[in-house]
Amino acid sequence: MSFRIEIAETDEEKELANKIAVDYHSYVKTPRVVGRCIKYLIYYNNEAIATFWLGSGFKPTPKSILKYFDVSQKQFDSMFNEVADNKRFCIKTNPVQNTGSQILRLIS
């Protein structure tokens, strides 16, 4: 019994990631995102149980992010592609205790 994380590459896999987000995300029930996005599927015992999506940030960059990195917008522009934005993280079923925490541990 283990988790497996894969990039959703085929149209069918991307549609499955979209369906999980639409059917199970608690407040953003849409597969639409702004900017680039890589969709991942999380499997447990070969069943897709969750999805998370990483994408590029946006401009203008929120002041809280600039403050966190202690940079100006111009300085942040040079590192823009090194920072990922969590577009979605959605779990459709919890097969084990603390499923979300276990998935996040694997991602980081």
N, C-alpha and C. Protein backbone atom coordinates (compact mmCIF):
# COMPACT_ATOMS: atom_id res chain seq x y z
N MET A 1 0.84 -1.18 0.00
CA MET A 1 0.00 0.00 0.00
C MET A 1 0.88 1.24 0.00
N SER A 2 0.84 1.97 -1.11
CA SER A 2 1.70 3.15 -1.17
C SER A 2 1.10 4.20 -2.11
N PHE A 3 1.62 5.40 -1.95
CA PHE A 3 1.23 6.51 -2.81
C PHE A 3 2.15 6.56 -4.02
N ARG A 4 1.62 7.06 -5.12
CA ARG A 4 2.40 7.29 -6.34
C ARG A 4 1.93 8.61 -6.92
N ILE A 5 2.85 9.45 -7.33
CA ILE A 5 2.52 10.75 -7.92
C ILE A 5 3.00 10.75 -9.36
N GLU A 6 2.13 11.14 -10.28
CA GLU A 6 2.47 11.19 -11.70
C GLU A 6 1.93 12.46 -12.32
N ILE A 7 2.66 12.98 -13.30
CA ILE A 7 2.17 14.12 -14.08
C ILE A 7 1.04 13.63 -14.97
N ALA A 8 -0.04 14.36 -15.01
CA ALA A 8 -1.15 14.06 -15.92
C ALA A 8 -0.72 14.52 -17.31
N GLU A 9 -0.36 13.57 -18.15
CA GLU A 9 0.17 13.91 -19.47
C GLU A 9 -0.83 13.70 -20.60
N THR A 10 -1.62 12.63 -20.53
CA THR A 10 -2.57 12.37 -21.61
C THR A 10 -3.84 13.19 -21.40
N ASP A 11 -4.62 13.30 -22.45
CA ASP A 11 -5.89 14.01 -22.33
C ASP A 11 -6.79 13.36 -21.28
N GLU A 12 -6.76 12.02 -21.22
CA GLU A 12 -7.58 11.30 -20.25
C GLU A 12 -7.13 11.60 -18.82
N GLU A 13 -5.81 11.63 -18.60
CA GLU A 13 -5.30 11.93 -17.25
C GLU A 13 -5.61 13.37 -16.85
N LYS A 14 -5.48 14.30 -17.79
CA LYS A 14 -5.81 15.70 -17.50
C LYS A 14 -7.30 15.85 -17.20
N GLU A 15 -8.13 15.11 -17.94
CA GLU A 15 -9.57 15.16 -17.68
C GLU A 15 -9.91 14.58 -16.31
N LEU A 16 -9.19 13.52 -15.90
CA LEU A 16 -9.40 12.95 -14.57
C LEU A 16 -9.01 13.97 -13.49
N ALA A 17 -7.89 14.66 -13.68
CA ALA A 17 -7.47 15.70 -12.73
C ALA A 17 -8.53 16.81 -12.66
N ASN A 18 -9.04 17.21 -13.83
CA ASN A 18 -10.10 18.23 -13.87
C ASN A 18 -11.35 17.75 -13.13
N LYS A 19 -11.74 16.49 -13.36
CA LYS A 19 -12.95 15.95 -12.73
C LYS A 19 -12.82 15.91 -11.21
N ILE A 20 -11.65 15.51 -10.72
CA ILE A 20 -11.45 15.50 -9.27
C ILE A 20 -11.60 16.90 -8.71
N ALA A 21 -11.00 17.89 -9.39
CA ALA A 21 -11.09 19.27 -8.91
C ALA A 21 -12.52 19.78 -8.93
N VAL A 22 -13.25 19.52 -10.01
CA VAL A 22 -14.62 20.00 -10.13
C VAL A 22 -15.55 19.31 -9.13
N ASP A 23 -15.37 18.00 -8.97
CA ASP A 23 -16.29 17.23 -8.12
C ASP A 23 -15.97 17.32 -6.62
N TYR A 24 -14.69 17.53 -6.27
CA TYR A 24 -14.31 17.40 -4.86
C TYR A 24 -13.66 18.62 -4.23
N HIS A 25 -13.26 19.62 -5.02
CA HIS A 25 -12.63 20.79 -4.42
C HIS A 25 -13.69 21.58 -3.68
N SER A 26 -13.37 22.00 -2.48
CA SER A 26 -14.41 22.61 -1.64
C SER A 26 -14.81 24.02 -2.04
N TYR A 27 -13.92 24.79 -2.68
CA TYR A 27 -14.33 26.17 -2.99
C TYR A 27 -13.96 26.65 -4.38
N VAL A 28 -13.12 25.96 -5.13
CA VAL A 28 -12.80 26.37 -6.50
C VAL A 28 -13.17 25.20 -7.42
N LYS A 29 -14.43 25.13 -7.79
CA LYS A 29 -14.92 23.99 -8.56
C LYS A 29 -14.84 24.28 -10.06
N THR A 30 -13.61 24.52 -10.53
CA THR A 30 -13.37 24.76 -11.95
C THR A 30 -11.98 24.27 -12.32
N PRO A 31 -11.82 23.75 -13.53
CA PRO A 31 -10.49 23.36 -13.98
C PRO A 31 -9.72 24.51 -14.63
N ARG A 32 -10.31 25.68 -14.66
CA ARG A 32 -9.65 26.83 -15.29
C ARG A 32 -8.66 27.47 -14.33
N VAL A 33 -7.48 27.78 -14.84
CA VAL A 33 -6.47 28.50 -14.07
C VAL A 33 -5.84 29.55 -14.97
N VAL A 34 -5.22 30.53 -14.35
CA VAL A 34 -4.53 31.58 -15.10
C VAL A 34 -3.06 31.19 -15.21
N GLY A 35 -2.52 31.24 -16.41
CA GLY A 35 -1.10 30.95 -16.62
C GLY A 35 -0.84 29.47 -16.82
N ARG A 36 0.45 29.15 -16.81
CA ARG A 36 0.88 27.76 -17.03
C ARG A 36 0.55 26.91 -15.82
N CYS A 37 0.32 25.62 -16.07
CA CYS A 37 -0.06 24.74 -14.97
C CYS A 37 0.33 23.31 -15.31
N ILE A 38 0.96 22.63 -14.37
CA ILE A 38 1.25 21.21 -14.49
C ILE A 38 0.32 20.50 -13.52
N LYS A 39 -0.44 19.55 -14.04
CA LYS A 39 -1.39 18.82 -13.21
C LYS A 39 -0.79 17.46 -12.84
N TYR A 40 -0.91 17.12 -11.57
CA TYR A 40 -0.43 15.85 -11.06
C TYR A 40 -1.60 15.04 -10.54
N LEU A 41 -1.49 13.72 -10.66
CA LEU A 41 -2.45 12.81 -10.06
C LEU A 41 -1.74 12.02 -8.97
N ILE A 42 -2.43 11.82 -7.87
CA ILE A 42 -1.89 11.03 -6.76
C ILE A 42 -2.69 9.74 -6.70
N TYR A 43 -1.97 8.64 -6.74
CA TYR A 43 -2.60 7.33 -6.69
C TYR A 43 -2.28 6.66 -5.36
N TYR A 44 -3.22 5.87 -4.90
CA TYR A 44 -3.02 5.01 -3.73
C TYR A 44 -3.54 3.64 -4.13
N ASN A 45 -2.67 2.66 -4.09
CA ASN A 45 -3.03 1.31 -4.56
C ASN A 45 -3.63 1.35 -5.96
N ASN A 46 -3.00 2.12 -6.84
CA ASN A 46 -3.38 2.25 -8.26
C ASN A 46 -4.74 2.90 -8.49
N GLU A 47 -5.30 3.56 -7.49
CA GLU A 47 -6.53 4.32 -7.66
C GLU A 47 -6.22 5.80 -7.51
N ALA A 48 -6.69 6.61 -8.47
CA ALA A 48 -6.49 8.06 -8.38
C ALA A 48 -7.34 8.59 -7.24
N ILE A 49 -6.67 9.14 -6.22
CA ILE A 49 -7.39 9.62 -5.03
C ILE A 49 -7.29 11.13 -4.85
N ALA A 50 -6.41 11.79 -5.61
CA ALA A 50 -6.22 13.23 -5.40
C ALA A 50 -5.52 13.84 -6.61
N THR A 51 -5.51 15.16 -6.62
CA THR A 51 -4.78 15.89 -7.65
C THR A 51 -4.18 17.15 -7.02
N PHE A 52 -3.03 17.55 -7.53
CA PHE A 52 -2.51 18.87 -7.18
C PHE A 52 -1.93 19.48 -8.44
N TRP A 53 -2.05 20.80 -8.52
CA TRP A 53 -1.64 21.52 -9.72
C TRP A 53 -0.65 22.61 -9.32
N LEU A 54 0.46 22.65 -10.02
CA LEU A 54 1.45 23.69 -9.80
C LEU A 54 1.53 24.56 -11.04
N GLY A 55 1.64 25.85 -10.83
CA GLY A 55 1.73 26.76 -11.97
C GLY A 55 2.63 27.92 -11.67
N SER A 56 2.82 28.71 -12.70
CA SER A 56 3.60 29.92 -12.53
C SER A 56 2.77 30.96 -11.80
N GLY A 57 3.45 31.88 -11.21
CA GLY A 57 2.77 32.96 -10.50
C GLY A 57 2.13 33.93 -11.46
N PHE A 58 1.86 35.12 -11.00
CA PHE A 58 1.23 36.12 -11.84
C PHE A 58 1.80 37.48 -11.52
N LYS A 59 1.55 38.41 -12.43
CA LYS A 59 2.04 39.77 -12.26
C LYS A 59 0.86 40.72 -12.26
N PRO A 60 0.90 41.76 -11.49
CA PRO A 60 1.98 42.05 -10.54
C PRO A 60 1.98 41.05 -9.40
N THR A 61 3.16 40.76 -8.92
CA THR A 61 3.33 39.82 -7.83
C THR A 61 2.78 40.44 -6.54
N PRO A 62 2.00 39.69 -5.79
CA PRO A 62 1.46 40.24 -4.53
C PRO A 62 2.58 40.72 -3.60
N LYS A 63 2.31 41.82 -2.91
CA LYS A 63 3.32 42.41 -2.02
C LYS A 63 3.79 41.43 -0.95
N SER A 64 2.91 40.56 -0.48
CA SER A 64 3.32 39.60 0.56
C SER A 64 4.39 38.64 0.05
N ILE A 65 4.34 38.29 -1.23
CA ILE A 65 5.36 37.40 -1.80
C ILE A 65 6.67 38.16 -1.95
N LEU A 66 6.60 39.38 -2.45
CA LEU A 66 7.81 40.19 -2.58
C LEU A 66 8.46 40.40 -1.21
N LYS A 67 7.63 40.64 -0.21
CA LYS A 67 8.14 40.84 1.14
C LYS A 67 8.77 39.55 1.67
N TYR A 68 8.14 38.42 1.42
CA TYR A 68 8.68 37.14 1.89
C TYR A 68 10.08 36.89 1.33
N PHE A 69 10.26 37.18 0.04
CA PHE A 69 11.57 36.99 -0.59
C PHE A 69 12.49 38.20 -0.41
N ASP A 70 11.94 39.28 0.14
CA ASP A 70 12.69 40.51 0.37
C ASP A 70 13.31 41.03 -0.92
N VAL A 71 12.46 41.14 -1.96
CA VAL A 71 12.92 41.61 -3.26
C VAL A 71 11.91 42.60 -3.83
N SER A 72 12.38 43.36 -4.82
CA SER A 72 11.49 44.25 -5.57
C SER A 72 10.83 43.43 -6.69
N GLN A 73 9.84 44.01 -7.35
CA GLN A 73 9.21 43.33 -8.47
C GLN A 73 10.24 43.02 -9.55
N LYS A 74 11.12 43.96 -9.82
CA LYS A 74 12.14 43.75 -10.86
C LYS A 74 13.08 42.60 -10.47
N GLN A 75 13.47 42.52 -9.20
CA GLN A 75 14.32 41.42 -8.76
C GLN A 75 13.57 40.08 -8.83
N PHE A 76 12.31 40.11 -8.48
CA PHE A 76 11.52 38.88 -8.52
C PHE A 76 11.34 38.38 -9.94
N ASP A 77 11.26 39.29 -10.91
CA ASP A 77 11.08 38.88 -12.31
C ASP A 77 12.16 37.89 -12.75
N SER A 78 13.38 38.05 -12.27
CA SER A 78 14.46 37.16 -12.68
C SER A 78 14.33 35.77 -12.06
N MET A 79 13.56 35.64 -10.99
CA MET A 79 13.38 34.33 -10.35
C MET A 79 11.96 33.79 -10.52
N PHE A 80 11.18 34.44 -11.37
CA PHE A 80 9.77 34.11 -11.57
C PHE A 80 9.56 32.62 -11.85
N ASN A 81 10.37 32.03 -12.71
CA ASN A 81 10.19 30.62 -13.09
C ASN A 81 10.74 29.64 -12.05
N GLU A 82 11.28 30.14 -10.96
CA GLU A 82 11.79 29.28 -9.90
C GLU A 82 10.81 29.15 -8.74
N VAL A 83 9.70 29.84 -8.83
CA VAL A 83 8.70 29.83 -7.77
C VAL A 83 7.41 29.25 -8.31
N ALA A 84 6.87 28.23 -7.64
CA ALA A 84 5.64 27.60 -8.08
C ALA A 84 4.47 28.07 -7.23
N ASP A 85 3.34 28.14 -7.87
CA ASP A 85 2.11 28.54 -7.21
C ASP A 85 1.20 27.31 -7.14
N ASN A 86 0.69 26.99 -5.97
CA ASN A 86 -0.23 25.87 -5.80
C ASN A 86 -1.59 26.29 -6.33
N LYS A 87 -1.93 25.82 -7.52
CA LYS A 87 -3.21 26.18 -8.13
C LYS A 87 -4.37 25.40 -7.54
N ARG A 88 -4.17 24.10 -7.31
CA ARG A 88 -5.20 23.25 -6.72
C ARG A 88 -4.53 22.14 -5.90
N PHE A 89 -5.18 21.74 -4.84
CA PHE A 89 -4.81 20.54 -4.09
C PHE A 89 -6.11 19.96 -3.60
N CYS A 90 -6.50 18.82 -4.13
CA CYS A 90 -7.83 18.30 -3.88
C CYS A 90 -7.76 16.79 -3.68
N ILE A 91 -8.37 16.34 -2.61
CA ILE A 91 -8.39 14.92 -2.27
C ILE A 91 -9.83 14.43 -2.39
N LYS A 92 -10.04 13.37 -3.17
CA LYS A 92 -11.40 12.85 -3.31
C LYS A 92 -11.72 11.77 -2.29
N THR A 93 -10.70 11.08 -1.79
CA THR A 93 -10.93 10.05 -0.78
C THR A 93 -9.71 9.95 0.13
N ASN A 94 -9.94 9.59 1.37
CA ASN A 94 -8.87 9.50 2.36
C ASN A 94 -8.66 8.03 2.75
N PRO A 95 -7.79 7.32 2.05
CA PRO A 95 -7.63 5.89 2.33
C PRO A 95 -6.84 5.59 3.60
N VAL A 96 -6.09 6.56 4.08
CA VAL A 96 -5.29 6.36 5.29
C VAL A 96 -5.40 7.60 6.17
N GLN A 97 -5.01 7.47 7.41
CA GLN A 97 -5.04 8.62 8.32
C GLN A 97 -4.07 9.68 7.83
N ASN A 98 -4.48 10.93 7.90
CA ASN A 98 -3.65 12.07 7.50
C ASN A 98 -3.20 12.00 6.04
N THR A 99 -4.11 11.61 5.17
CA THR A 99 -3.79 11.49 3.74
C THR A 99 -3.17 12.77 3.20
N GLY A 100 -3.79 13.91 3.46
CA GLY A 100 -3.28 15.18 2.94
C GLY A 100 -1.87 15.46 3.39
N SER A 101 -1.58 15.26 4.66
CA SER A 101 -0.22 15.49 5.18
C SER A 101 0.79 14.54 4.55
N GLN A 102 0.38 13.30 4.34
CA GLN A 102 1.29 12.34 3.73
C GLN A 102 1.59 12.71 2.28
N ILE A 103 0.59 13.18 1.55
CA ILE A 103 0.82 13.61 0.17
C ILE A 103 1.73 14.84 0.15
N LEU A 104 1.47 15.82 0.99
CA LEU A 104 2.30 17.03 1.02
C LEU A 104 3.75 16.69 1.38
N ARG A 105 3.95 15.73 2.24
CA ARG A 105 5.31 15.30 2.59
C ARG A 105 6.03 14.76 1.36
N LEU A 106 5.33 14.02 0.50
CA LEU A 106 5.93 13.47 -0.70
C LEU A 106 6.24 14.55 -1.73
N ILE A 107 5.41 15.58 -1.77
CA ILE A 107 5.58 16.65 -2.75
C ILE A 107 6.78 17.52 -2.42
N SER A 108 7.00 17.83 -1.16
CA SER A 108 8.05 18.78 -0.79
C SER A 108 9.43 18.21 -0.81
